[in-house]
Amino acid sequence: MDNLGLVAAVSIAVSGLTIAVGSIGPALGEGRAVAQALGAIAQQPDEANTITRTLFVGLAMVESTAIYCFVVAMILIFANPFWDYFLSRAGG
């Protein structure tokens, strides 16, 4: 396998790993946050508005991590800087 094929294979493998970690981690975190928030609302119904607002801000932060992993995976596949470097060295 030449360098160009190796860069392509590593890029695809790393982007797949990034998507896997970037989807499993935030999903577990969001599930735990919602479960804890529902438990807190059940114990303190008067504070439901505050807990809900804090929950939504936290969910947005967790979701931004998943989106960041998605963007990194897309960059690795479609705009990999190593790809251009090895393509120019290969004479293409």
C-alpha atoms as a PDB file:
ATOM      1  CA  MET A   1       0.000   0.000   0.000  1.00  0.00           C
ATOM      2  CA  ASP A   2       1.438   3.366  -0.971  1.00  0.00           C
ATOM      3  CA  ASN A   3       1.371   6.503   1.183  1.00  0.00           C
ATOM      4  CA  LEU A   4      -1.787   7.851  -0.454  1.00  0.00           C
ATOM      5  CA  GLY A   5      -3.718   4.682   0.285  1.00  0.00           C
ATOM      6  CA  LEU A   6      -2.393   4.611   3.821  1.00  0.00           C
ATOM      7  CA  VAL A   7      -3.514   8.199   4.437  1.00  0.00           C
ATOM      8  CA  ALA A   8      -6.954   7.369   3.055  1.00  0.00           C
ATOM      9  CA  ALA A   9      -7.290   4.245   5.195  1.00  0.00           C
ATOM     10  CA  VAL A  10      -6.136   5.974   8.368  1.00  0.00           C
ATOM     11  CA  SER A  11      -8.443   8.939   7.687  1.00  0.00           C
ATOM     12  CA  ILE A  12     -11.460   6.684   7.278  1.00  0.00           C
ATOM     13  CA  ALA A  13     -10.604   4.638  10.374  1.00  0.00           C
ATOM     14  CA  VAL A  14     -10.036   7.702  12.543  1.00  0.00           C
ATOM     15  CA  SER A  15     -13.204   9.403  11.314  1.00  0.00           C
ATOM     16  CA  GLY A  16     -15.186   6.275  12.146  1.00  0.00           C
ATOM     17  CA  LEU A  17     -13.648   6.154  15.613  1.00  0.00           C
ATOM     18  CA  THR A  18     -14.400   9.854  16.082  1.00  0.00           C
ATOM     19  CA  ILE A  19     -18.042   9.375  15.144  1.00  0.00           C
ATOM     20  CA  ALA A  20     -18.309   6.339  17.455  1.00  0.00           C
ATOM     21  CA  VAL A  21     -16.853   8.093  20.483  1.00  0.00           C
ATOM     22  CA  GLY A  22     -18.605  11.353  19.603  1.00  0.00           C
ATOM     23  CA  SER A  23     -22.002   9.715  19.495  1.00  0.00           C
ATOM     24  CA  ILE A  24     -21.754   7.265  22.390  1.00  0.00           C
ATOM     25  CA  GLY A  25     -20.265   9.690  24.925  1.00  0.00           C
ATOM     26  CA  PRO A  26     -22.781  12.510  24.511  1.00  0.00           C
ATOM     27  CA  ALA A  27     -25.687  10.054  24.354  1.00  0.00           C
ATOM     28  CA  LEU A  28     -24.697   8.574  27.708  1.00  0.00           C
ATOM     29  CA  GLY A  29     -24.137  12.042  29.160  1.00  0.00           C
ATOM     30  CA  GLU A  30     -27.489  13.353  27.962  1.00  0.00           C
ATOM     31  CA  GLY A  31     -29.286  10.324  29.331  1.00  0.00           C
ATOM     32  CA  ARG A  32     -27.645  10.732  32.715  1.00  0.00           C
ATOM     33  CA  ALA A  33     -28.361  14.483  32.794  1.00  0.00           C
ATOM     34  CA  VAL A  34     -32.037  13.986  31.976  1.00  0.00           C
ATOM     35  CA  ALA A  35     -32.361  11.226  34.567  1.00  0.00           C
ATOM     36  CA  GLN A  36     -30.755  13.375  37.259  1.00  0.00           C
ATOM     37  CA  ALA A  37     -32.885  16.376  36.304  1.00  0.00           C
ATOM     38  CA  LEU A  38     -36.090  14.349  36.465  1.00  0.00           C
ATOM     39  CA  GLY A  39     -35.049  13.025  39.878  1.00  0.00           C
ATOM     40  CA  ALA A  40     -34.352  16.554  41.084  1.00  0.00           C
ATOM     41  CA  ILE A  41     -37.684  17.841  39.753  1.00  0.00           C
ATOM     42  CA  ALA A  42     -39.480  14.964  41.458  1.00  0.00           C
ATOM     43  CA  GLN A  43     -37.868  15.877  44.782  1.00  0.00           C
ATOM     44  CA  GLN A  44     -38.246  19.654  44.394  1.00  0.00           C
ATOM     45  CA  PRO A  45     -41.190  20.496  42.137  1.00  0.00           C
ATOM     46  CA  ASP A  46     -41.005  24.197  43.036  1.00  0.00           C
ATOM     47  CA  GLU A  47     -37.568  24.457  41.410  1.00  0.00           C
ATOM     48  CA  ALA A  48     -38.669  22.842  38.147  1.00  0.00           C
ATOM     49  CA  ASN A  49     -38.142  25.982  36.061  1.00  0.00           C
ATOM     50  CA  THR A  50     -34.598  26.507  37.276  1.00  0.00           C
ATOM     51  CA  ILE A  51     -33.686  22.847  36.917  1.00  0.00           C
ATOM     52  CA  THR A  52     -35.183  22.683  33.429  1.00  0.00           C
ATOM     53  CA  ARG A  53     -33.327  25.786  32.270  1.00  0.00           C
ATOM     54  CA  THR A  54     -30.036  24.456  33.618  1.00  0.00           C
ATOM     55  CA  LEU A  55     -30.748  21.077  32.028  1.00  0.00           C
ATOM     56  CA  PHE A  56     -31.288  22.627  28.602  1.00  0.00           C
ATOM     57  CA  VAL A  57     -28.055  24.626  28.811  1.00  0.00           C
ATOM     58  CA  GLY A  58     -26.191  21.491  29.818  1.00  0.00           C
ATOM     59  CA  LEU A  59     -27.767  19.462  27.023  1.00  0.00           C
ATOM     60  CA  ALA A  60     -26.733  22.119  24.509  1.00  0.00           C
ATOM     61  CA  MET A  61     -23.146  21.926  25.743  1.00  0.00           C
ATOM     62  CA  VAL A  62     -23.134  18.127  25.497  1.00  0.00           C
ATOM     63  CA  GLU A  63     -24.695  18.247  22.046  1.00  0.00           C
ATOM     64  CA  SER A  64     -22.051  20.708  20.867  1.00  0.00           C
ATOM     65  CA  THR A  65     -19.427  18.089  21.696  1.00  0.00           C
ATOM     66  CA  ALA A  66     -21.176  15.594  19.429  1.00  0.00           C
ATOM     67  CA  ILE A  67     -21.398  18.161  16.632  1.00  0.00           C
ATOM     68  CA  TYR A  68     -17.709  18.979  17.071  1.00  0.00           C
ATOM     69  CA  CYS A  69     -16.820  15.295  16.656  1.00  0.00           C
ATOM     70  CA  PHE A  70     -18.982  15.133  13.529  1.00  0.00           C
ATOM     71  CA  VAL A  71     -17.218  18.157  12.035  1.00  0.00           C
ATOM     72  CA  VAL A  72     -13.798  16.659  12.796  1.00  0.00           C
ATOM     73  CA  ALA A  73     -14.825  13.419  11.093  1.00  0.00           C
ATOM     74  CA  MET A  74     -16.046  15.295   8.000  1.00  0.00           C
ATOM     75  CA  ILE A  75     -12.789  17.267   7.841  1.00  0.00           C
ATOM     76  CA  LEU A  76     -10.799  14.030   8.050  1.00  0.00           C
ATOM     77  CA  ILE A  77     -12.750  12.544   5.161  1.00  0.00           C
ATOM     78  CA  PHE A  78     -13.324  15.487   2.821  1.00  0.00           C
ATOM     79  CA  ALA A  79     -10.710  18.141   3.653  1.00  0.00           C
ATOM     80  CA  ASN A  80      -7.761  16.232   5.040  1.00  0.00           C
ATOM     81  CA  PRO A  81      -4.622  18.400   4.780  1.00  0.00           C
ATOM     82  CA  PHE A  82      -2.391  15.331   4.637  1.00  0.00           C
ATOM     83  CA  TRP A  83      -4.254  14.169   1.552  1.00  0.00           C
ATOM     84  CA  ASP A  84      -3.193  17.243  -0.456  1.00  0.00           C
ATOM     85  CA  TYR A  85       0.385  16.934   0.766  1.00  0.00           C
ATOM     86  CA  PHE A  86       0.771  13.317  -0.260  1.00  0.00           C
ATOM     87  CA  LEU A  87      -1.126  13.923  -3.486  1.00  0.00           C
ATOM     88  CA  SER A  88       1.334  16.661  -4.473  1.00  0.00           C
ATOM     89  CA  ARG A  89       4.299  14.450  -3.538  1.00  0.00           C
ATOM     90  CA  ALA A  90       2.887  11.591  -5.581  1.00  0.00           C
ATOM     91  CA  GLY A  91       2.880  13.860  -8.630  1.00  0.00           C
ATOM     92  CA  GLY A  92      -0.868  14.304  -8.927  1.00  0.00           C
END
